[in-house]
């Protein structure tokens, strides 16, 4: 409640006691709205000369009420895109690794089939050669 800080602010303005200012700060929140600052208008001077043509009320110190939701929406959209890209990168990496393993297995199967065919052809040739040698010996 800013009205509780008012006596301490008056004491600070009258005496210059920093402890009174610290006590006043304890009663004030981190930011004050324009209504809260209007309560303190007798010790605060916000708009210059109160009787002049540029007299204005105290503006709040809480910041913009439009920017935080916009920044939050931007952050959520940006974070979603980043997380989606990370998920896709992991999936693509896993698919590539699976493709390499499949290629190596396929290559190993082909190599094994080639070796088996060469072995079979060698056995057939050796069998024929042995048969020819037997015929020549007889």
N, C-alpha and C. Protein backbone atom coordinates (compact mmCIF):
# COMPACT_ATOMS: atom_id res chain seq x y z
N UNK A 1 0.85 -1.19 0.00
CA UNK A 1 0.00 0.00 0.00
C UNK A 1 0.90 1.25 0.00
N UNK A 2 0.82 2.08 -1.04
CA UNK A 2 1.71 3.26 -1.10
C UNK A 2 1.39 4.31 -0.04
N UNK A 3 0.17 4.33 0.48
CA UNK A 3 -0.15 5.35 1.49
C UNK A 3 0.63 5.10 2.79
N UNK A 4 1.04 3.84 3.05
CA UNK A 4 1.83 3.54 4.24
C UNK A 4 3.25 4.09 4.11
N UNK A 5 3.72 4.27 2.89
CA UNK A 5 5.05 4.80 2.66
C UNK A 5 5.10 6.32 2.77
N UNK A 6 3.95 6.97 2.70
CA UNK A 6 3.87 8.43 2.67
C UNK A 6 4.53 9.10 3.88
N UNK A 7 4.27 8.69 5.12
CA UNK A 7 4.93 9.37 6.25
C UNK A 7 6.46 9.23 6.21
N UNK A 8 6.94 8.10 5.77
CA UNK A 8 8.38 7.89 5.72
C UNK A 8 9.00 8.76 4.61
N UNK A 9 8.30 8.91 3.48
CA UNK A 9 8.80 9.79 2.42
C UNK A 9 8.83 11.25 2.89
N UNK A 10 7.79 11.67 3.61
CA UNK A 10 7.78 13.05 4.13
C UNK A 10 8.94 13.26 5.11
N UNK A 11 9.19 12.26 5.94
CA UNK A 11 10.30 12.36 6.89
C UNK A 11 11.63 12.47 6.14
N UNK A 12 11.78 11.68 5.08
CA UNK A 12 13.01 11.76 4.29
C UNK A 12 13.17 13.13 3.65
N UNK A 13 12.05 13.69 3.11
CA UNK A 13 12.14 15.00 2.48
C UNK A 13 12.43 16.10 3.48
N UNK A 14 11.91 15.95 4.70
CA UNK A 14 12.13 16.97 5.73
C UNK A 14 13.53 16.87 6.33
N UNK A 15 13.98 15.66 6.63
CA UNK A 15 15.23 15.50 7.37
C UNK A 15 16.39 15.01 6.52
N UNK A 16 16.10 14.38 5.39
CA UNK A 16 17.16 13.80 4.56
C UNK A 16 17.68 12.49 5.12
N UNK A 17 16.95 11.88 6.05
CA UNK A 17 17.36 10.63 6.68
C UNK A 17 17.18 9.48 5.68
N UNK A 18 18.27 8.79 5.34
CA UNK A 18 18.23 7.70 4.37
C UNK A 18 17.48 6.50 4.93
N UNK A 19 17.52 6.33 6.23
CA UNK A 19 16.79 5.22 6.86
C UNK A 19 15.29 5.38 6.62
N UNK A 20 14.80 6.61 6.64
CA UNK A 20 13.37 6.85 6.38
C UNK A 20 13.04 6.49 4.94
N UNK A 21 13.94 6.80 4.03
CA UNK A 21 13.74 6.44 2.62
C UNK A 21 13.71 4.92 2.46
N UNK A 22 14.58 4.20 3.14
CA UNK A 22 14.59 2.74 3.08
C UNK A 22 13.32 2.14 3.66
N UNK A 23 12.81 2.75 4.72
CA UNK A 23 11.53 2.28 5.28
C UNK A 23 10.40 2.51 4.29
N UNK A 24 10.43 3.64 3.58
CA UNK A 24 9.40 3.92 2.58
C UNK A 24 9.48 2.92 1.43
N UNK A 25 10.70 2.58 1.02
CA UNK A 25 10.86 1.61 -0.07
C UNK A 25 10.33 0.23 0.32
N UNK A 26 10.41 -0.10 1.59
CA UNK A 26 9.91 -1.40 2.04
C UNK A 26 8.40 -1.51 1.83
N UNK A 27 7.70 -0.37 1.89
CA UNK A 27 6.25 -0.39 1.71
C UNK A 27 5.83 -0.35 0.25
N UNK A 28 6.74 0.04 -0.63
CA UNK A 28 6.39 0.17 -2.05
C UNK A 28 6.74 -1.12 -2.80
N UNK A 29 5.87 -1.54 -3.70
CA UNK A 29 6.19 -2.72 -4.51
C UNK A 29 7.27 -2.37 -5.55
N UNK A 30 7.68 -3.36 -6.32
CA UNK A 30 8.71 -3.16 -7.34
C UNK A 30 8.29 -2.16 -8.39
N UNK A 31 7.01 -2.11 -8.71
CA UNK A 31 6.53 -1.13 -9.68
C UNK A 31 5.23 -0.52 -9.15
N UNK A 32 4.98 0.71 -9.53
CA UNK A 32 3.79 1.41 -9.07
C UNK A 32 2.93 1.79 -10.28
N UNK A 33 1.63 1.60 -10.13
CA UNK A 33 0.72 2.03 -11.19
C UNK A 33 0.49 3.52 -11.06
N UNK A 34 -0.16 4.08 -12.05
CA UNK A 34 -0.44 5.53 -12.03
C UNK A 34 -1.33 5.88 -10.84
N UNK A 35 -2.28 5.02 -10.48
CA UNK A 35 -3.15 5.29 -9.33
C UNK A 35 -2.36 5.30 -8.03
N UNK A 36 -1.43 4.36 -7.89
CA UNK A 36 -0.62 4.33 -6.67
C UNK A 36 0.26 5.58 -6.57
N UNK A 37 0.80 6.02 -7.71
CA UNK A 37 1.65 7.21 -7.69
C UNK A 37 0.85 8.48 -7.46
N UNK A 38 -0.41 8.49 -7.84
CA UNK A 38 -1.23 9.68 -7.58
C UNK A 38 -1.46 9.86 -6.09
N UNK A 39 -1.45 8.75 -5.33
CA UNK A 39 -1.56 8.85 -3.87
C UNK A 39 -0.34 9.57 -3.31
N UNK A 40 0.81 9.36 -3.93
CA UNK A 40 2.06 9.98 -3.46
C UNK A 40 2.35 11.30 -4.15
N UNK A 41 1.36 11.87 -4.83
CA UNK A 41 1.60 13.06 -5.64
C UNK A 41 2.04 14.28 -4.82
N UNK A 42 1.73 14.33 -3.53
CA UNK A 42 2.16 15.50 -2.75
C UNK A 42 3.66 15.46 -2.45
N UNK A 43 4.32 14.28 -2.53
CA UNK A 43 5.76 14.22 -2.32
C UNK A 43 6.51 13.94 -3.62
N UNK A 44 5.80 13.53 -4.64
CA UNK A 44 6.42 13.31 -5.95
C UNK A 44 6.00 14.40 -6.90
N UNK A 45 6.88 14.77 -7.78
CA UNK A 45 6.53 15.75 -8.80
C UNK A 45 6.82 15.09 -10.15
N UNK A 46 5.75 14.69 -10.83
CA UNK A 46 5.90 13.90 -12.04
C UNK A 46 5.85 14.73 -13.31
N UNK A 47 4.96 15.66 -13.40
CA UNK A 47 4.73 16.35 -14.66
C UNK A 47 5.21 17.77 -14.72
N UNK A 48 6.15 18.15 -13.93
CA UNK A 48 6.63 19.53 -13.96
C UNK A 48 5.75 20.42 -13.10
N UNK A 49 5.57 21.64 -13.54
CA UNK A 49 4.76 22.62 -12.80
C UNK A 49 3.30 22.17 -12.83
N UNK A 50 2.68 21.92 -11.65
CA UNK A 50 1.30 21.45 -11.64
C UNK A 50 0.30 22.46 -12.22
N UNK A 51 0.67 23.76 -12.24
CA UNK A 51 -0.25 24.77 -12.77
C UNK A 51 0.07 25.09 -14.23
N UNK A 52 1.17 24.56 -14.77
CA UNK A 52 1.61 24.88 -16.13
C UNK A 52 0.82 24.12 -17.18
N UNK A 53 1.07 24.48 -18.46
CA UNK A 53 0.33 23.84 -19.55
C UNK A 53 0.75 22.39 -19.79
N UNK A 54 1.93 21.99 -19.29
CA UNK A 54 2.40 20.62 -19.51
C UNK A 54 2.20 19.75 -18.28
N UNK A 55 1.32 20.13 -17.40
CA UNK A 55 1.07 19.34 -16.19
C UNK A 55 0.47 18.00 -16.58
N UNK A 56 0.97 16.97 -16.00
CA UNK A 56 0.45 15.63 -16.28
C UNK A 56 0.51 14.81 -15.02
N UNK A 57 -0.29 13.78 -14.96
CA UNK A 57 -0.25 12.88 -13.82
C UNK A 57 0.99 12.01 -13.90
N UNK A 58 1.23 11.29 -12.84
CA UNK A 58 2.39 10.40 -12.79
C UNK A 58 2.10 9.16 -13.63
N UNK A 59 3.03 8.84 -14.47
CA UNK A 59 2.91 7.61 -15.25
C UNK A 59 3.38 6.44 -14.40
N UNK A 60 2.82 5.30 -14.62
CA UNK A 60 3.21 4.12 -13.86
C UNK A 60 4.64 3.69 -14.20
N UNK A 61 5.25 2.95 -13.30
CA UNK A 61 6.61 2.47 -13.51
C UNK A 61 6.64 0.97 -13.81
N UNK A 62 5.49 0.39 -14.12
CA UNK A 62 5.41 -1.06 -14.32
C UNK A 62 5.76 -1.47 -15.74
N UNK A 63 5.96 -0.55 -16.64
CA UNK A 63 6.32 -0.91 -18.01
C UNK A 63 5.10 -1.08 -18.89
N UNK A 64 5.34 -1.60 -20.05
CA UNK A 64 4.30 -1.77 -21.05
C UNK A 64 3.46 -3.00 -20.74
N UNK A 65 2.16 -2.89 -21.02
CA UNK A 65 1.29 -4.04 -20.84
C UNK A 65 1.08 -4.78 -22.17
N UNK A 66 1.65 -4.26 -23.26
CA UNK A 66 1.50 -4.88 -24.58
C UNK A 66 2.73 -5.71 -24.93
N UNK A 67 3.90 -5.23 -24.58
CA UNK A 67 5.14 -5.89 -24.98
C UNK A 67 5.32 -7.29 -24.38
N UNK A 68 5.07 -7.51 -23.09
CA UNK A 68 5.32 -8.86 -22.54
C UNK A 68 4.53 -9.97 -23.23
N UNK A 69 3.22 -9.80 -23.52
CA UNK A 69 2.54 -10.89 -24.24
C UNK A 69 3.10 -11.11 -25.64
N UNK A 70 3.48 -10.04 -26.32
CA UNK A 70 4.06 -10.19 -27.65
C UNK A 70 5.40 -10.91 -27.59
N UNK A 71 6.21 -10.55 -26.62
CA UNK A 71 7.52 -11.19 -26.46
C UNK A 71 7.33 -12.66 -26.10
N UNK A 72 6.34 -12.95 -25.26
CA UNK A 72 6.07 -14.33 -24.87
C UNK A 72 5.63 -15.16 -26.08
N UNK A 73 4.75 -14.60 -26.91
CA UNK A 73 4.31 -15.31 -28.13
C UNK A 73 5.49 -15.56 -29.06
N UNK A 74 6.34 -14.57 -29.23
CA UNK A 74 7.52 -14.74 -30.07
C UNK A 74 8.44 -15.82 -29.51
N UNK A 75 8.65 -15.79 -28.21
CA UNK A 75 9.51 -16.78 -27.57
C UNK A 75 8.96 -18.19 -27.73
N UNK A 76 7.66 -18.36 -27.52
CA UNK A 76 7.05 -19.69 -27.66
C UNK A 76 7.16 -20.18 -29.10
N UNK A 77 6.89 -19.30 -30.07
CA UNK A 77 6.99 -19.70 -31.48
C UNK A 77 8.42 -20.06 -31.83
N UNK A 78 9.37 -19.24 -31.40
CA UNK A 78 10.78 -19.49 -31.69
C UNK A 78 11.25 -20.79 -31.04
N UNK A 79 10.87 -21.01 -29.78
CA UNK A 79 11.26 -22.23 -29.08
C UNK A 79 10.64 -23.46 -29.74
N UNK A 80 9.41 -23.34 -30.22
CA UNK A 80 8.77 -24.47 -30.91
C UNK A 80 9.52 -24.82 -32.19
N UNK A 81 9.92 -23.81 -32.93
CA UNK A 81 10.66 -24.06 -34.17
C UNK A 81 12.00 -24.72 -33.87
N UNK A 82 12.70 -24.23 -32.86
CA UNK A 82 13.99 -24.80 -32.50
C UNK A 82 13.84 -26.25 -32.06
N UNK A 83 12.85 -26.54 -31.21
CA UNK A 83 12.64 -27.90 -30.74
C UNK A 83 12.23 -28.83 -31.88
N UNK A 84 11.41 -28.34 -32.79
CA UNK A 84 11.02 -29.14 -33.95
C UNK A 84 12.24 -29.46 -34.81
N UNK A 85 13.09 -28.47 -35.04
CA UNK A 85 14.31 -28.71 -35.82
C UNK A 85 15.23 -29.71 -35.12
N UNK A 86 15.34 -29.63 -33.80
CA UNK A 86 16.16 -30.58 -33.07
C UNK A 86 15.60 -32.00 -33.19
N UNK A 87 14.30 -32.14 -33.06
CA UNK A 87 13.68 -33.46 -33.19
C UNK A 87 13.88 -34.02 -34.58
N UNK A 88 13.72 -33.20 -35.60
CA UNK A 88 13.94 -33.66 -36.97
C UNK A 88 15.40 -34.04 -37.20
N UNK A 89 16.32 -33.29 -36.64
CA UNK A 89 17.74 -33.60 -36.80
C UNK A 89 18.07 -34.95 -36.17
N UNK A 90 17.52 -35.22 -34.99
CA UNK A 90 17.77 -36.50 -34.33
C UNK A 90 17.17 -37.64 -35.15
N UNK A 91 15.95 -37.46 -35.66
CA UNK A 91 15.32 -38.49 -36.48
C UNK A 91 16.13 -38.75 -37.75
N UNK A 92 16.58 -37.69 -38.40
CA UNK A 92 17.37 -37.87 -39.63
C UNK A 92 18.68 -38.58 -39.33
N UNK A 93 19.30 -38.27 -38.22
CA UNK A 93 20.55 -38.92 -37.84
C UNK A 93 20.33 -40.41 -37.59
N UNK A 94 19.24 -40.74 -36.90
CA UNK A 94 18.93 -42.14 -36.63
C UNK A 94 18.62 -42.90 -37.92
N UNK A 95 17.88 -42.26 -38.83
CA UNK A 95 17.57 -42.90 -40.10
C UNK A 95 18.84 -43.12 -40.93
N UNK A 96 19.73 -42.16 -40.91
CA UNK A 96 20.99 -42.29 -41.64
C UNK A 96 21.83 -43.43 -41.05
N UNK A 97 21.88 -43.52 -39.73
CA UNK A 97 22.63 -44.60 -39.08
C UNK A 97 22.01 -45.96 -39.42
N UNK A 98 20.69 -46.04 -39.43
CA UNK A 98 20.02 -47.29 -39.78
C UNK A 98 20.30 -47.65 -41.23
N UNK A 99 20.34 -46.66 -42.10
CA UNK A 99 20.63 -46.90 -43.52
C UNK A 99 22.05 -47.43 -43.70
N UNK A 100 22.99 -46.90 -42.96
CA UNK A 100 24.39 -47.36 -43.04
C UNK A 100 24.48 -48.81 -42.58
N UNK A 101 23.79 -49.15 -41.47
CA UNK A 101 23.82 -50.52 -40.96
C UNK A 101 23.20 -51.46 -41.98
N UNK A 102 22.07 -51.06 -42.58
CA UNK A 102 21.41 -51.89 -43.59
C UNK A 102 22.32 -52.07 -44.79
N UNK A 103 23.00 -51.03 -45.22
CA UNK A 103 23.91 -51.12 -46.35
C UNK A 103 25.05 -52.09 -46.04
N UNK A 104 25.62 -52.01 -44.83
CA UNK A 104 26.71 -52.90 -44.45
C UNK A 104 26.24 -54.35 -44.41
N UNK A 105 25.03 -54.58 -43.88
CA UNK A 105 24.49 -55.94 -43.84
C UNK A 105 24.27 -56.47 -45.26
N UNK A 106 23.70 -55.62 -46.12
CA UNK A 106 23.45 -56.03 -47.49
C UNK A 106 24.77 -56.34 -48.20
N UNK A 107 25.77 -55.51 -47.96
CA UNK A 107 27.08 -55.71 -48.57
C UNK A 107 27.71 -57.00 -48.05
N UNK A 108 27.55 -57.26 -46.75
CA UNK A 108 28.09 -58.49 -46.17
C UNK A 108 27.39 -59.71 -46.75
N UNK A 109 26.06 -59.65 -46.95
CA UNK A 109 25.33 -60.77 -47.54
C UNK A 109 25.78 -61.01 -48.97
N UNK A 110 25.97 -59.94 -49.73
CA UNK A 110 26.43 -60.08 -51.11
C UNK A 110 27.82 -60.68 -51.13
N UNK A 111 28.69 -60.21 -50.25
CA UNK A 111 30.05 -60.74 -50.19
C UNK A 111 30.04 -62.22 -49.83
N UNK A 112 29.19 -62.59 -48.89
CA UNK A 112 29.08 -63.99 -48.49
C UNK A 112 28.55 -64.83 -49.66
N UNK A 113 27.57 -64.32 -50.37
CA UNK A 113 27.03 -65.05 -51.52
C UNK A 113 28.08 -65.22 -52.59
N UNK A 114 28.88 -64.20 -52.85
CA UNK A 114 29.95 -64.30 -53.84
C UNK A 114 30.97 -65.35 -53.42
N UNK A 115 31.35 -65.32 -52.15
CA UNK A 115 32.31 -66.31 -51.64
C UNK A 115 31.76 -67.73 -51.75
N UNK A 116 30.48 -67.89 -51.44
CA UNK A 116 29.88 -69.22 -51.53
C UNK A 116 29.84 -69.69 -52.98
N UNK A 117 29.54 -68.80 -53.93
CA UNK A 117 29.52 -69.17 -55.34
C UNK A 117 30.92 -69.52 -55.84
N UNK A 118 31.92 -68.76 -55.41
CA UNK A 118 33.30 -69.05 -55.80
C UNK A 118 33.71 -70.40 -55.22
N UNK A 119 33.34 -70.65 -53.96
CA UNK A 119 33.66 -71.92 -53.32
C UNK A 119 32.98 -73.07 -54.06
N UNK A 120 31.72 -72.91 -54.41
CA UNK A 120 30.99 -73.94 -55.14
C UNK A 120 31.63 -74.19 -56.51
N UNK A 121 31.97 -73.11 -57.22
CA UNK A 121 32.60 -73.26 -58.53
C UNK A 121 33.95 -73.94 -58.40
N UNK A 122 34.69 -73.61 -57.36
CA UNK A 122 35.99 -74.25 -57.15
C UNK A 122 35.81 -75.73 -56.85
N UNK A 123 34.83 -76.06 -56.04
CA UNK A 123 34.57 -77.48 -55.73
C UNK A 123 34.16 -78.25 -56.99
N UNK A 124 33.32 -77.64 -57.81
CA UNK A 124 32.90 -78.29 -59.05
C UNK A 124 34.12 -78.49 -59.96
N UNK A 125 34.95 -77.51 -60.06
CA UNK A 125 36.14 -77.60 -60.93
C UNK A 125 37.09 -78.67 -60.41
N UNK A 126 37.28 -78.67 -59.07
CA UNK A 126 38.17 -79.68 -58.49
C UNK A 126 37.61 -81.09 -58.68
N UNK A 127 36.31 -81.24 -58.57
CA UNK A 127 35.68 -82.54 -58.78
C UNK A 127 35.87 -83.00 -60.21
N UNK A 128 35.66 -82.11 -61.17
CA UNK A 128 35.87 -82.45 -62.58
C UNK A 128 37.33 -82.77 -62.85
N UNK A 129 38.22 -82.00 -62.28
CA UNK A 129 39.66 -82.23 -62.48
C UNK A 129 40.05 -83.59 -61.90
N UNK A 130 39.50 -83.92 -60.74
CA UNK A 130 39.80 -85.21 -60.12
C UNK A 130 39.27 -86.35 -60.99
N UNK A 131 38.10 -86.15 -61.56
CA UNK A 131 37.52 -87.16 -62.46
C UNK A 131 38.38 -87.34 -63.70
N UNK A 132 38.87 -86.25 -64.26
CA UNK A 132 39.74 -86.34 -65.44
C UNK A 132 41.04 -87.04 -65.12
N UNK A 133 41.60 -86.76 -63.94
CA UNK A 133 42.83 -87.41 -63.54
C UNK A 133 42.62 -88.92 -63.37
N UNK A 134 41.50 -89.33 -62.84
CA UNK A 134 41.20 -90.74 -62.66
C UNK A 134 41.08 -91.45 -64.01
N UNK A 135 40.44 -90.72 -64.96
CA UNK A 135 40.28 -91.31 -66.29
C UNK A 135 41.63 -91.47 -66.98
N UNK A 136 42.51 -90.55 -66.79
CA UNK A 136 43.82 -90.65 -67.42
C UNK A 136 44.64 -91.75 -66.77
N UNK A 137 44.47 -91.97 -65.51
CA UNK A 137 45.23 -93.02 -64.82
C UNK A 137 44.74 -94.40 -65.24
N UNK A 138 43.55 -94.54 -65.62
CA UNK A 138 43.01 -95.85 -65.98
C UNK A 138 43.39 -96.18 -67.33
